[in-house]
C-alpha atoms as a PDB file:
ATOM      1  CA  MET A   1       0.066  -0.146  -0.257  1.00  0.00           C
ATOM      2  CA  THR A   2       1.128   3.518  -0.519  1.00  0.00           C
ATOM      3  CA  PRO A   3       1.921   4.967   2.494  1.00  0.00           C
ATOM      4  CA  ASP A   4      -0.411   7.775   3.988  1.00  0.00           C
ATOM      5  CA  ALA A   5       1.199  11.563   3.555  1.00  0.00           C
ATOM      6  CA  ILE A   6       2.748  13.741   6.416  1.00  0.00           C
ATOM      7  CA  ASP A   7       2.435  17.350   6.193  1.00  0.00           C
ATOM      8  CA  PRO A   8       5.872  18.567   8.029  1.00  0.00           C
ATOM      9  CA  ASP A   9       4.448  22.349   8.585  1.00  0.00           C
ATOM     10  CA  ALA A  10       1.608  21.081  10.178  1.00  0.00           C
ATOM     11  CA  LEU A  11       3.362  18.871  12.625  1.00  0.00           C
ATOM     12  CA  ARG A  12       5.448  21.943  13.242  1.00  0.00           C
ATOM     13  CA  ALA A  13       2.311  24.131  13.745  1.00  0.00           C
ATOM     14  CA  ARG A  14       0.341  21.473  15.781  1.00  0.00           C
ATOM     15  CA  ALA A  15       2.329  19.379  17.462  1.00  0.00           C
ATOM     16  CA  GLY A  16       5.436  21.392  18.274  1.00  0.00           C
ATOM     17  CA  ILE A  17       7.900  19.321  16.342  1.00  0.00           C
ATOM     18  CA  ALA A  18      10.633  21.465  15.350  1.00  0.00           C
ATOM     19  CA  THR A  19      12.757  19.024  13.005  1.00  0.00           C
ATOM     20  CA  PHE A  20      10.976  16.277  11.040  1.00  0.00           C
ATOM     21  CA  ILE A  21      13.106  13.605   9.261  1.00  0.00           C
ATOM     22  CA  HIS A  22      10.691  11.461   6.968  1.00  0.00           C
ATOM     23  CA  LEU A  23      12.460   8.021   5.458  1.00  0.00           C
ATOM     24  CA  ALA A  24      10.852   5.796   2.790  1.00  0.00           C
ATOM     25  CA  GLU A  25      12.937   2.730   4.543  1.00  0.00           C
ATOM     26  CA  ALA A  26      15.152   2.385   7.576  1.00  0.00           C
ATOM     27  CA  ASP A  27      16.039  -0.671   9.871  1.00  0.00           C
ATOM     28  CA  SER A  28      15.355   1.227  12.803  1.00  0.00           C
ATOM     29  CA  THR A  29      14.332   4.680  13.586  1.00  0.00           C
ATOM     30  CA  MET A  30      15.993   4.726  16.810  1.00  0.00           C
ATOM     31  CA  ASP A  31      19.462   4.834  14.696  1.00  0.00           C
ATOM     32  CA  ARG A  32      18.871   7.807  12.632  1.00  0.00           C
ATOM     33  CA  ALA A  33      17.619   9.506  15.864  1.00  0.00           C
ATOM     34  CA  ARG A  34      20.637   8.849  17.796  1.00  0.00           C
ATOM     35  CA  THR A  35      22.639  10.626  15.033  1.00  0.00           C
ATOM     36  CA  VAL A  36      19.680  13.466  15.182  1.00  0.00           C
ATOM     37  CA  ALA A  37      20.735  13.393  19.025  1.00  0.00           C
ATOM     38  CA  ALA A  38      24.431  13.851  19.116  1.00  0.00           C
ATOM     39  CA  ASP A  39      24.160  16.826  16.800  1.00  0.00           C
ATOM     40  CA  PRO A  40      23.589  20.304  18.923  1.00  0.00           C
ATOM     41  CA  ALA A  41      22.802  22.194  15.642  1.00  0.00           C
ATOM     42  CA  ILE A  42      19.607  20.198  14.795  1.00  0.00           C
ATOM     43  CA  PRO A  43      16.593  21.821  16.926  1.00  0.00           C
ATOM     44  CA  LEU A  44      14.616  20.019  19.010  1.00  0.00           C
ATOM     45  CA  PRO A  45      11.977  18.351  19.598  1.00  0.00           C
ATOM     46  CA  ALA A  46      12.629  16.059  16.382  1.00  0.00           C
ATOM     47  CA  ALA A  47      10.919  13.444  15.072  1.00  0.00           C
ATOM     48  CA  VAL A  48      12.108  10.789  12.645  1.00  0.00           C
ATOM     49  CA  VAL A  49       9.460   8.782  10.656  1.00  0.00           C
ATOM     50  CA  ALA A  50       9.617   5.781   8.676  1.00  0.00           C
ATOM     51  CA  ASP A  51       7.374   4.409   5.891  1.00  0.00           C
ATOM     52  CA  ARG A  52       8.499   0.548   6.295  1.00  0.00           C
ATOM     53  CA  GLN A  53      11.163  -0.555   9.173  1.00  0.00           C
ATOM     54  CA  LEU A  54      13.079  -2.958   8.616  1.00  0.00           C
ATOM     55  CA  ALA A  55      14.501  -4.308  11.886  1.00  0.00           C
ATOM     56  CA  GLY A  56      12.646  -2.217  14.578  1.00  0.00           C
ATOM     57  CA  ARG A  57      13.633  -3.274  18.229  1.00  0.00           C
ATOM     58  CA  GLY A  58      12.176  -3.732  21.619  1.00  0.00           C
ATOM     59  CA  ARG A  59      13.783  -4.586  24.876  1.00  0.00           C
ATOM     60  CA  ARG A  60      16.302  -7.074  26.191  1.00  0.00           C
ATOM     61  CA  GLY A  61      17.150  -7.605  22.225  1.00  0.00           C
ATOM     62  CA  ALA A  62      13.511  -8.738  21.113  1.00  0.00           C
ATOM     63  CA  ARG A  63      12.305  -7.573  17.757  1.00  0.00           C
ATOM     64  CA  TRP A  64       9.163  -5.645  16.871  1.00  0.00           C
ATOM     65  CA  TRP A  65       7.156  -6.482  13.787  1.00  0.00           C
ATOM     66  CA  GLN A  66       4.855  -4.049  12.282  1.00  0.00           C
ATOM     67  CA  PRO A  67       3.143  -3.744   8.637  1.00  0.00           C
ATOM     68  CA  PRO A  68       4.649  -1.334   6.051  1.00  0.00           C
ATOM     69  CA  GLY A  69       2.967   2.104   6.281  1.00  0.00           C
ATOM     70  CA  SER A  70       2.135   2.200   9.812  1.00  0.00           C
ATOM     71  CA  LEU A  71       4.029   4.826  12.346  1.00  0.00           C
ATOM     72  CA  ALA A  72       7.326   3.906  13.125  1.00  0.00           C
ATOM     73  CA  MET A  73       8.843   6.915  14.885  1.00  0.00           C
ATOM     74  CA  SER A  74      11.287   7.751  17.100  1.00  0.00           C
ATOM     75  CA  LEU A  75      11.100  11.442  19.093  1.00  0.00           C
ATOM     76  CA  VAL A  76      14.173  13.327  20.309  1.00  0.00           C
ATOM     77  CA  LEU A  77      13.803  15.247  23.172  1.00  0.00           C
ATOM     78  CA  ASP A  78      16.028  17.167  25.370  1.00  0.00           C
ATOM     79  CA  ALA A  79      15.488  15.962  28.995  1.00  0.00           C
ATOM     80  CA  ALA A  80      14.906  19.474  30.333  1.00  0.00           C
ATOM     81  CA  VAL A  81      11.052  18.830  28.912  1.00  0.00           C
ATOM     82  CA  GLY A  82      10.830  16.376  32.224  1.00  0.00           C
ATOM     83  CA  GLY A  83      12.830  18.600  34.537  1.00  0.00           C
ATOM     84  CA  GLY A  84      16.388  18.020  33.767  1.00  0.00           C
ATOM     85  CA  GLU A  85      17.002  14.442  34.342  1.00  0.00           C
ATOM     86  CA  VAL A  86      15.692  10.903  32.529  1.00  0.00           C
ATOM     87  CA  ARG A  87      13.532   9.393  34.359  1.00  0.00           C
ATOM     88  CA  PRO A  88      12.267   5.450  34.348  1.00  0.00           C
ATOM     89  CA  ILE A  89       8.946   6.369  34.647  1.00  0.00           C
ATOM     90  CA  TRP A  90       9.089   8.191  31.170  1.00  0.00           C
ATOM     91  CA  SER A  91       8.002   4.759  29.270  1.00  0.00           C
ATOM     92  CA  LEU A  92       5.065   4.581  31.234  1.00  0.00           C
ATOM     93  CA  ALA A  93       4.289   8.387  30.321  1.00  0.00           C
ATOM     94  CA  CYS A  94       4.752   7.765  26.349  1.00  0.00           C
ATOM     95  CA  GLY A  95       2.605   4.768  26.959  1.00  0.00           C
ATOM     96  CA  VAL A  96      -0.291   6.977  28.689  1.00  0.00           C
ATOM     97  CA  ALA A  97       0.240   9.652  26.405  1.00  0.00           C
ATOM     98  CA  LEU A  98      -0.185   7.373  23.316  1.00  0.00           C
ATOM     99  CA  ALA A  99      -3.245   5.384  24.758  1.00  0.00           C
ATOM    100  CA  GLU A 100      -5.165   8.548  25.817  1.00  0.00           C
ATOM    101  CA  ALA A 101      -4.261   9.973  21.697  1.00  0.00           C
ATOM    102  CA  LEU A 102      -5.327   6.595  20.396  1.00  0.00           C
ATOM    103  CA  MET A 103      -8.948   6.725  22.477  1.00  0.00           C
ATOM    104  CA  ALA A 104      -9.562  10.390  21.639  1.00  0.00           C
ATOM    105  CA  LEU A 105      -8.954   9.846  17.241  1.00  0.00           C
ATOM    106  CA  GLU A 106     -10.933   6.381  17.915  1.00  0.00           C
ATOM    107  CA  PRO A 107     -13.476   6.594  20.727  1.00  0.00           C
ATOM    108  CA  ALA A 108     -14.454   2.867  20.722  1.00  0.00           C
ATOM    109  CA  LEU A 109     -11.339   1.755  21.274  1.00  0.00           C
ATOM    110  CA  GLU A 110     -10.321   0.566  24.582  1.00  0.00           C
ATOM    111  CA  PRO A 111      -6.279   0.598  24.900  1.00  0.00           C
ATOM    112  CA  ARG A 112      -4.745  -0.320  27.462  1.00  0.00           C
ATOM    113  CA  VAL A 113      -0.793   0.174  29.133  1.00  0.00           C
ATOM    114  CA  ARG A 114       0.991  -2.986  29.620  1.00  0.00           C
ATOM    115  CA  TRP A 115       3.815  -2.457  32.167  1.00  0.00           C
ATOM    116  CA  PRO A 116       6.410  -1.483  31.292  1.00  0.00           C
ATOM    117  CA  ASN A 117       6.094  -0.442  27.609  1.00  0.00           C
ATOM    118  CA  ASP A 118       3.276  -1.804  25.595  1.00  0.00           C
ATOM    119  CA  ILE A 119      -0.046  -0.916  24.327  1.00  0.00           C
ATOM    120  CA  GLU A 120      -2.747  -3.459  24.038  1.00  0.00           C
ATOM    121  CA  VAL A 121      -6.091  -4.249  23.037  1.00  0.00           C
ATOM    122  CA  GLU A 122      -7.800  -7.097  24.800  1.00  0.00           C
ATOM    123  CA  GLY A 123      -4.387  -8.653  25.187  1.00  0.00           C
ATOM    124  CA  ALA A 124      -2.999  -8.236  21.553  1.00  0.00           C
ATOM    125  CA  LYS A 125      -0.099  -5.976  21.444  1.00  0.00           C
ATOM    126  CA  LEU A 126      -0.796  -2.770  19.298  1.00  0.00           C
ATOM    127  CA  ALA A 127       1.771  -0.767  20.227  1.00  0.00           C
ATOM    128  CA  GLY A 128       5.319  -0.748  21.650  1.00  0.00           C
ATOM    129  CA  ILE A 129       7.653   1.708  23.427  1.00  0.00           C
ATOM    130  CA  LEU A 130      11.722   1.910  23.475  1.00  0.00           C
ATOM    131  CA  VAL A 131      13.227   4.808  25.706  1.00  0.00           C
ATOM    132  CA  GLU A 132      16.687   5.002  25.406  1.00  0.00           C
ATOM    133  CA  MET A 133      18.898   7.955  27.045  1.00  0.00           C
ATOM    134  CA  VAL A 134      21.870   9.488  25.073  1.00  0.00           C
ATOM    135  CA  ALA A 135      24.908  11.281  25.694  1.00  0.00           C
ATOM    136  CA  GLY A 136      24.826  15.234  26.118  1.00  0.00           C
ATOM    137  CA  GLY A 137      21.015  14.932  28.310  1.00  0.00           C
ATOM    138  CA  GLY A 138      18.727  13.804  25.601  1.00  0.00           C
ATOM    139  CA  VAL A 139      16.124  11.181  25.885  1.00  0.00           C
ATOM    140  CA  ILE A 140      14.593   9.380  22.524  1.00  0.00           C
ATOM    141  CA  PHE A 141      11.246   7.985  22.166  1.00  0.00           C
ATOM    142  CA  GLY A 142      10.446   5.232  19.991  1.00  0.00           C
ATOM    143  CA  VAL A 143       7.344   4.295  18.998  1.00  0.00           C
ATOM    144  CA  GLY A 144       5.779   1.834  16.875  1.00  0.00           C
ATOM    145  CA  VAL A 145       1.988   1.483  16.144  1.00  0.00           C
ATOM    146  CA  ASN A 146       0.021  -0.680  13.930  1.00  0.00           C
ATOM    147  CA  THR A 147      -2.082   1.998  12.178  1.00  0.00           C
ATOM    148  CA  THR A 148      -2.111  -0.089   9.156  1.00  0.00           C
ATOM    149  CA  GLY A 149      -1.974  -3.419   8.067  1.00  0.00           C
ATOM    150  CA  ARG A 150      -3.671  -7.217   9.235  1.00  0.00           C
ATOM    151  CA  ALA A 151      -2.845  -9.477  11.900  1.00  0.00           C
ATOM    152  CA  ALA A 152      -2.940 -12.152   9.839  1.00  0.00           C
ATOM    153  CA  ASP A 153       0.155 -10.713   7.589  1.00  0.00           C
ATOM    154  CA  ALA A 154       2.481 -10.694  10.072  1.00  0.00           C
ATOM    155  CA  PRO A 155       5.493 -13.538  10.375  1.00  0.00           C
ATOM    156  CA  ALA A 156       4.260 -16.802  11.683  1.00  0.00           C
ATOM    157  CA  GLY A 157       4.161 -17.273  15.623  1.00  0.00           C
ATOM    158  CA  ILE A 158       3.324 -13.637  16.299  1.00  0.00           C
ATOM    159  CA  GLY A 159       0.110 -13.040  14.319  1.00  0.00           C
ATOM    160  CA  ARG A 160      -2.274 -13.981  17.443  1.00  0.00           C
ATOM    161  CA  ALA A 161       0.002 -11.631  19.631  1.00  0.00           C
ATOM    162  CA  ILE A 162      -0.610  -8.324  17.853  1.00  0.00           C
ATOM    163  CA  ALA A 163      -3.077  -5.996  16.959  1.00  0.00           C
ATOM    164  CA  THR A 164      -3.694  -3.614  14.168  1.00  0.00           C
ATOM    165  CA  LEU A 165      -6.022  -0.411  13.879  1.00  0.00           C
ATOM    166  CA  PRO A 166      -7.607  -1.980  10.729  1.00  0.00           C
ATOM    167  CA  ASP A 167      -8.458  -5.171  12.315  1.00  0.00           C
ATOM    168  CA  LEU A 168     -10.195  -3.516  15.429  1.00  0.00           C
ATOM    169  CA  VAL A 169     -11.852  -0.577  13.988  1.00  0.00           C
ATOM    170  CA  GLY A 170     -12.025  -1.609  10.362  1.00  0.00           C
ATOM    171  CA  HIS A 171      -9.715   1.405   8.963  1.00  0.00           C
ATOM    172  CA  PRO A 172      -6.191   2.422   8.886  1.00  0.00           C
ATOM    173  CA  LEU A 173      -5.414   5.473  11.090  1.00  0.00           C
ATOM    174  CA  PRO A 174      -3.437   8.530   9.516  1.00  0.00           C
ATOM    175  CA  ARG A 175      -0.099   8.707  10.913  1.00  0.00           C
ATOM    176  CA  GLN A 176      -0.486  12.571  10.904  1.00  0.00           C
ATOM    177  CA  ARG A 177      -3.709  12.695  13.265  1.00  0.00           C
ATOM    178  CA  LEU A 178      -2.204  10.332  15.275  1.00  0.00           C
ATOM    179  CA  LEU A 179       1.413  12.196  15.870  1.00  0.00           C
ATOM    180  CA  GLU A 180      -0.650  15.635  16.183  1.00  0.00           C
ATOM    181  CA  ALA A 181      -2.726  14.361  18.814  1.00  0.00           C
ATOM    182  CA  PHE A 182      -0.157  12.182  20.519  1.00  0.00           C
ATOM    183  CA  VAL A 183       3.411  14.494  20.622  1.00  0.00           C
ATOM    184  CA  PRO A 184       1.594  17.313  22.698  1.00  0.00           C
ATOM    185  CA  ARG A 185       0.095  14.990  25.220  1.00  0.00           C
ATOM    186  CA  LEU A 186       3.614  13.730  25.703  1.00  0.00           C
ATOM    187  CA  LEU A 187       4.915  16.682  26.085  1.00  0.00           C
ATOM    188  CA  GLU A 188       2.330  18.239  28.431  1.00  0.00           C
ATOM    189  CA  LEU A 189       2.297  15.094  30.608  1.00  0.00           C
ATOM    190  CA  LEU A 190       6.151  15.015  30.687  1.00  0.00           C
ATOM    191  CA  ALA A 191       6.004  18.797  32.297  1.00  0.00           C
ATOM    192  CA  GLU A 192       3.212  17.706  34.639  1.00  0.00           C
ATOM    193  CA  ILE A 193       5.360  14.863  36.051  1.00  0.00           C
ATOM    194  CA  ALA A 194       8.357  17.278  36.900  1.00  0.00           C
ATOM    195  CA  SER A 195       6.345  19.119  38.866  1.00  0.00           C
ATOM    196  CA  ASP A 196       4.050  16.615  40.418  1.00  0.00           C
ATOM    197  CA  PRO A 197       5.235  12.873  40.258  1.00  0.00           C
ATOM    198  CA  ASP A 198       2.002  11.531  41.349  1.00  0.00           C
ATOM    199  CA  THR A 199       0.387  12.648  38.139  1.00  0.00           C
ATOM    200  CA  LEU A 200       1.477   9.712  36.451  1.00  0.00           C
ATOM    201  CA  ALA A 201       0.002   7.317  38.618  1.00  0.00           C
ATOM    202  CA  ALA A 202      -3.381   9.108  38.706  1.00  0.00           C
ATOM    203  CA  ARG A 203      -3.515   9.155  34.899  1.00  0.00           C
ATOM    204  CA  TYR A 204      -2.443   5.380  34.240  1.00  0.00           C
ATOM    205  CA  ARG A 205      -4.722   3.848  36.908  1.00  0.00           C
ATOM    206  CA  PRO A 206      -7.780   3.933  34.549  1.00  0.00           C
ATOM    207  CA  LEU A 207      -5.407   2.047  31.736  1.00  0.00           C
ATOM    208  CA  CYS A 208      -3.481  -0.062  33.466  1.00  0.00           C
ATOM    209  CA  ALA A 209      -3.929  -4.050  31.816  1.00  0.00           C
ATOM    210  CA  LEU A 210      -2.733  -5.430  34.574  1.00  0.00           C
ATOM    211  CA  THR A 211      -4.365  -4.338  37.629  1.00  0.00           C
ATOM    212  CA  GLY A 212      -6.206  -7.415  39.769  1.00  0.00           C
ATOM    213  CA  ARG A 213      -4.596 -10.165  37.234  1.00  0.00           C
ATOM    214  CA  ASP A 214      -1.924 -12.744  38.267  1.00  0.00           C
ATOM    215  CA  VAL A 215       0.861 -11.917  36.539  1.00  0.00           C
ATOM    216  CA  THR A 216       4.846 -13.445  36.243  1.00  0.00           C
ATOM    217  CA  VAL A 217       7.538 -10.831  36.383  1.00  0.00           C
ATOM    218  CA  PHE A 218      10.884 -12.272  34.934  1.00  0.00           C
ATOM    219  CA  ARG A 219      13.845 -10.875  35.888  1.00  0.00           C
ATOM    220  CA  GLY A 220      17.296 -12.406  36.499  1.00  0.00           C
ATOM    221  CA  PRO A 221      19.155 -14.254  35.403  1.00  0.00           C
ATOM    222  CA  THR A 222      19.483 -16.611  38.739  1.00  0.00           C
ATOM    223  CA  SER A 223      22.794 -18.189  39.692  1.00  0.00           C
ATOM    224  CA  GLY A 224      21.325 -21.213  37.893  1.00  0.00           C
ATOM    225  CA  GLY A 225      21.278 -19.552  34.573  1.00  0.00           C
ATOM    226  CA  GLY A 226      17.645 -18.828  34.235  1.00  0.00           C
ATOM    227  CA  PRO A 227      15.278 -16.033  34.382  1.00  0.00           C
ATOM    228  CA  ASP A 228      14.221 -14.721  38.152  1.00  0.00           C
ATOM    229  CA  ARG A 229      10.471 -15.389  38.371  1.00  0.00           C
ATOM    230  CA  ILE A 230       8.192 -13.087  40.358  1.00  0.00           C
ATOM    231  CA  GLN A 231       4.569 -14.079  40.910  1.00  0.00           C
ATOM    232  CA  GLY A 232       1.344 -12.574  42.424  1.00  0.00           C
ATOM    233  CA  PRO A 233      -1.525 -10.327  41.736  1.00  0.00           C
ATOM    234  CA  CYS A 234      -0.911  -6.988  40.306  1.00  0.00           C
ATOM    235  CA  LEU A 235      -1.901  -4.044  42.275  1.00  0.00           C
ATOM    236  CA  GLY A 236      -1.080  -1.351  39.977  1.00  0.00           C
ATOM    237  CA  ILE A 237       1.941   0.979  40.083  1.00  0.00           C
ATOM    238  CA  ASP A 238       3.755   3.290  42.724  1.00  0.00           C
ATOM    239  CA  ARG A 239       4.335   7.007  42.020  1.00  0.00           C
ATOM    240  CA  TYR A 240       7.841   6.052  40.522  1.00  0.00           C
ATOM    241  CA  GLY A 241       6.414   3.621  38.290  1.00  0.00           C
ATOM    242  CA  ALA A 242       7.364   0.524  40.143  1.00  0.00           C
ATOM    243  CA  LEU A 243       4.858  -2.276  39.439  1.00  0.00           C
ATOM    244  CA  VAL A 244       3.287  -3.234  42.514  1.00  0.00           C
ATOM    245  CA  ILE A 245       3.161  -7.183  43.099  1.00  0.00           C
ATOM    246  CA  ASP A 246       1.313  -8.608  46.254  1.00  0.00           C
ATOM    247  CA  THR A 247       3.792 -11.844  46.517  1.00  0.00           C
ATOM    248  CA  VAL A 248       3.887 -14.678  48.930  1.00  0.00           C
ATOM    249  CA  ALA A 249       7.017 -12.934  50.621  1.00  0.00           C
ATOM    250  CA  GLY A 250       5.112  -9.777  50.455  1.00  0.00           C
ATOM    251  CA  ARG A 251       3.965  -6.506  48.545  1.00  0.00           C
ATOM    252  CA  LEU A 252       7.295  -5.905  46.246  1.00  0.00           C
ATOM    253  CA  HIS A 253       7.702  -2.651  43.840  1.00  0.00           C
ATOM    254  CA  LEU A 254       9.443  -3.993  40.702  1.00  0.00           C
ATOM    255  CA  GLU A 255      11.393  -1.009  39.116  1.00  0.00           C
ATOM    256  CA  SER A 256      12.517  -3.395  36.152  1.00  0.00           C
ATOM    257  CA  GLY A 257      11.384  -6.807  34.371  1.00  0.00           C
ATOM    258  CA  SER A 258       9.504  -7.851  31.892  1.00  0.00           C
ATOM    259  CA  LEU A 259       6.048  -9.447  31.520  1.00  0.00           C
ATOM    260  CA  THR A 260       7.422 -12.020  28.416  1.00  0.00           C
ATOM    261  CA  ASP A 261       9.311 -14.886  28.872  1.00  0.00           C
ATOM    262  CA  PRO A 262      12.546 -14.509  27.560  1.00  0.00           C
ATOM    263  CA  ALA A 263      12.571 -17.760  25.584  1.00  0.00           C
ATOM    264  CA  ALA A 264       9.217 -16.509  24.383  1.00  0.00           C
ATOM    265  CA  ALA A 265      10.394 -13.545  22.774  1.00  0.00           C
ATOM    266  CA  TRP A 266      10.356 -13.088  18.706  1.00  0.00           C
ATOM    267  CA  HIS A 267      14.046 -12.378  17.586  1.00  0.00           C
ATOM    268  CA  GLY A 268      13.085 -11.834  14.233  1.00  0.00           C
ATOM    269  CA  LEU A 269      13.246 -14.057  10.714  1.00  0.00           C
ATOM    270  CA  ALA A 270      16.776 -15.271   9.662  1.00  0.00           C
ATOM    271  CA  ASP A 271      16.313 -13.348   6.474  1.00  0.00           C
ATOM    272  CA  GLY A 272      15.610 -10.057   8.060  1.00  0.00           C
END
């Protein structure tokens, strides 16, 4: 399919994006974004968007697949927008802003934020988020949203685990509309969190995909080589973004970990 057009002038006016780089194809928008972040002459915020991403990646070495023409974007910000320091809660803030933007554009959609960095609908992954620090006090928010395509077209083994906007609401979502709804929300939320850390938990609470559910968080590895597993009902997050689990050993606040078994992570196709 022909990717939908994006108007850079409109993004500057409506989303506050100072620099817009549009690529027909890229291995990963994060790679280009790091080059942007290293150049102090490039005005921020800067957005790098690719019509087709060949080697998108997630946390802990996992790969991220999405249909061609979907929103694959890396947003470069100065850490000063969030109070002058990069915070672990920023991936959750990004998830909240993205879920709120999706709901504003598609009221019938019920996206939920799956700690620490996914947006899902009815248990299937609609979007992924990757936040990386860069030298010089910058931060990159990598965002992939399945705004086009069908889950049936995904590589074998992951089709049932993902969702797309056409499958969910019957039509693609223009990237321009999503960027204009999402980026200002993210910038505003980061500023609010910098002045009031409790803002995140309050905004996250109604969007949490896990509260009340039994979960397994994988951390580690253990001394035996396998992942450390922590299990119990999820109680949401605390003001610092840690996942709160009610375990047999007591209530734990987990600042890091994964809800995906490392052995089940998708690492891409052999031919790329």
